[in-house]
Structures are given as C-alpha cells and as structure tokens.
C-alpha atoms as a PDB file:
ATOM      1  CA  MET A   1     -97.780 -22.103 -67.365  1.00  0.00           C
ATOM      2  CA  ASP A   2     -95.739 -23.784 -70.040  1.00  0.00           C
ATOM      3  CA  VAL A   3     -91.773 -24.534 -69.421  1.00  0.00           C
ATOM      4  CA  TYR A   4     -89.504 -24.336 -72.287  1.00  0.00           C
ATOM      5  CA  THR A   5     -85.930 -25.666 -72.392  1.00  0.00           C
ATOM      6  CA  LEU A   6     -82.982 -25.222 -74.666  1.00  0.00           C
ATOM      7  CA  PRO A   7     -80.196 -27.513 -75.382  1.00  0.00           C
ATOM      8  CA  ASN A   8     -76.747 -26.635 -74.116  1.00  0.00           C
ATOM      9  CA  ARG A   9     -73.666 -26.793 -76.349  1.00  0.00           C
ATOM     10  CA  ILE A  10     -71.419 -29.515 -75.416  1.00  0.00           C
ATOM     11  CA  PHE A  11     -67.967 -29.825 -76.739  1.00  0.00           C
ATOM     12  CA  ILE A  12     -65.646 -33.156 -76.679  1.00  0.00           C
ATOM     13  CA  GLU A  13     -62.196 -32.202 -77.662  1.00  0.00           C
ATOM     14  CA  ASP A  14     -63.500 -29.006 -79.486  1.00  0.00           C
ATOM     15  CA  GLU A  15     -66.017 -31.109 -81.359  1.00  0.00           C
ATOM     16  CA  GLU A  16     -69.708 -29.971 -80.913  1.00  0.00           C
ATOM     17  CA  VAL A  17     -71.959 -32.930 -80.053  1.00  0.00           C
ATOM     18  CA  GLU A  18     -75.921 -32.757 -79.913  1.00  0.00           C
ATOM     19  CA  ASP A  19     -77.296 -32.129 -76.520  1.00  0.00           C
ATOM     20  CA  VAL A  20     -79.780 -35.290 -76.525  1.00  0.00           C
ATOM     21  CA  PRO A  21     -80.228 -37.916 -73.841  1.00  0.00           C
ATOM     22  CA  GLU A  22     -77.944 -40.412 -75.337  1.00  0.00           C
ATOM     23  CA  THR A  23     -74.985 -37.805 -75.190  1.00  0.00           C
ATOM     24  CA  THR A  24     -74.625 -38.582 -71.387  1.00  0.00           C
ATOM     25  CA  GLU A  25     -72.916 -41.755 -71.922  1.00  0.00           C
ATOM     26  CA  ARG A  26     -70.755 -40.275 -74.715  1.00  0.00           C
ATOM     27  CA  VAL A  27     -69.719 -37.356 -72.315  1.00  0.00           C
ATOM     28  CA  LEU A  28     -68.989 -39.864 -69.568  1.00  0.00           C
ATOM     29  CA  GLU A  29     -66.755 -41.983 -71.630  1.00  0.00           C
ATOM     30  CA  ALA A  30     -64.876 -39.024 -72.859  1.00  0.00           C
ATOM     31  CA  LEU A  31     -64.557 -37.854 -69.201  1.00  0.00           C
ATOM     32  CA  TYR A  32     -63.199 -41.294 -68.223  1.00  0.00           C
ATOM     33  CA  SER A  33     -60.779 -41.441 -71.013  1.00  0.00           C
ATOM     34  CA  GLY A  34     -59.276 -38.023 -70.227  1.00  0.00           C
ATOM     35  CA  LYS A  35     -60.686 -35.946 -72.938  1.00  0.00           C
ATOM     36  CA  LYS A  36     -61.448 -32.266 -72.768  1.00  0.00           C
ATOM     37  CA  VAL A  37     -65.196 -31.756 -72.401  1.00  0.00           C
ATOM     38  CA  GLN A  38     -66.808 -28.246 -72.016  1.00  0.00           C
ATOM     39  CA  THR A  39     -70.359 -26.883 -72.122  1.00  0.00           C
ATOM     40  CA  SER A  40     -71.458 -23.663 -73.270  1.00  0.00           C
ATOM     41  CA  LEU A  41     -74.678 -21.631 -73.398  1.00  0.00           C
ATOM     42  CA  PRO A  42     -77.341 -22.414 -76.216  1.00  0.00           C
ATOM     43  CA  ARG A  43     -76.554 -21.107 -79.804  1.00  0.00           C
ATOM     44  CA  PRO A  44     -77.811 -17.600 -79.872  1.00  0.00           C
ATOM     45  CA  ASP A  45     -79.832 -17.892 -83.176  1.00  0.00           C
ATOM     46  CA  LEU A  46     -81.838 -20.886 -81.206  1.00  0.00           C
ATOM     47  CA  VAL A  47     -82.640 -18.702 -78.297  1.00  0.00           C
ATOM     48  CA  GLU A  48     -83.542 -15.774 -80.582  1.00  0.00           C
ATOM     49  CA  SER A  49     -85.960 -17.915 -82.824  1.00  0.00           C
ATOM     50  CA  THR A  50     -87.617 -19.529 -79.469  1.00  0.00           C
ATOM     51  CA  PHE A  51     -88.158 -16.025 -78.187  1.00  0.00           C
ATOM     52  CA  GLU A  52     -89.788 -15.252 -81.779  1.00  0.00           C
ATOM     53  CA  GLN A  53     -91.912 -18.199 -81.717  1.00  0.00           C
ATOM     54  CA  LEU A  54     -93.006 -17.584 -78.152  1.00  0.00           C
ATOM     55  CA  GLN A  55     -93.902 -13.989 -78.978  1.00  0.00           C
ATOM     56  CA  ALA A  56     -96.378 -15.308 -81.825  1.00  0.00           C
ATOM     57  CA  VAL A  57     -98.255 -17.320 -79.337  1.00  0.00           C
END
C-alpha cells in the first residue's frame, strides 16, 4: 500500500511559507523571536488534484 502526504500550510506573521524540511528552522526562529506562527490544513485545490491523480491510477 502506498502512503501519500500533503504539505500543511504554515504562516509566519500572516505570510505563507512553503512546508519543506528547511522550514523547521525558520519556524523555530520565528517562535523564539515572538512572531505569530500558525498552521492550517493543506490547500483545497491541492487535495482535490491529488485525489484526482489517485483515481486515475
């Protein structure tokens, strides 16, 4: 069975940043400096396109 993951949305001070491994350091720096950091579910269009790709398989 294959497992698929989708990137979460990450916001630092209302700016969306890409959810990649290098983002961890940036998020930690933001937290330590008192900036507002938020996460959200993956983008709906990305979820939809992923499901469409999986249906085609």
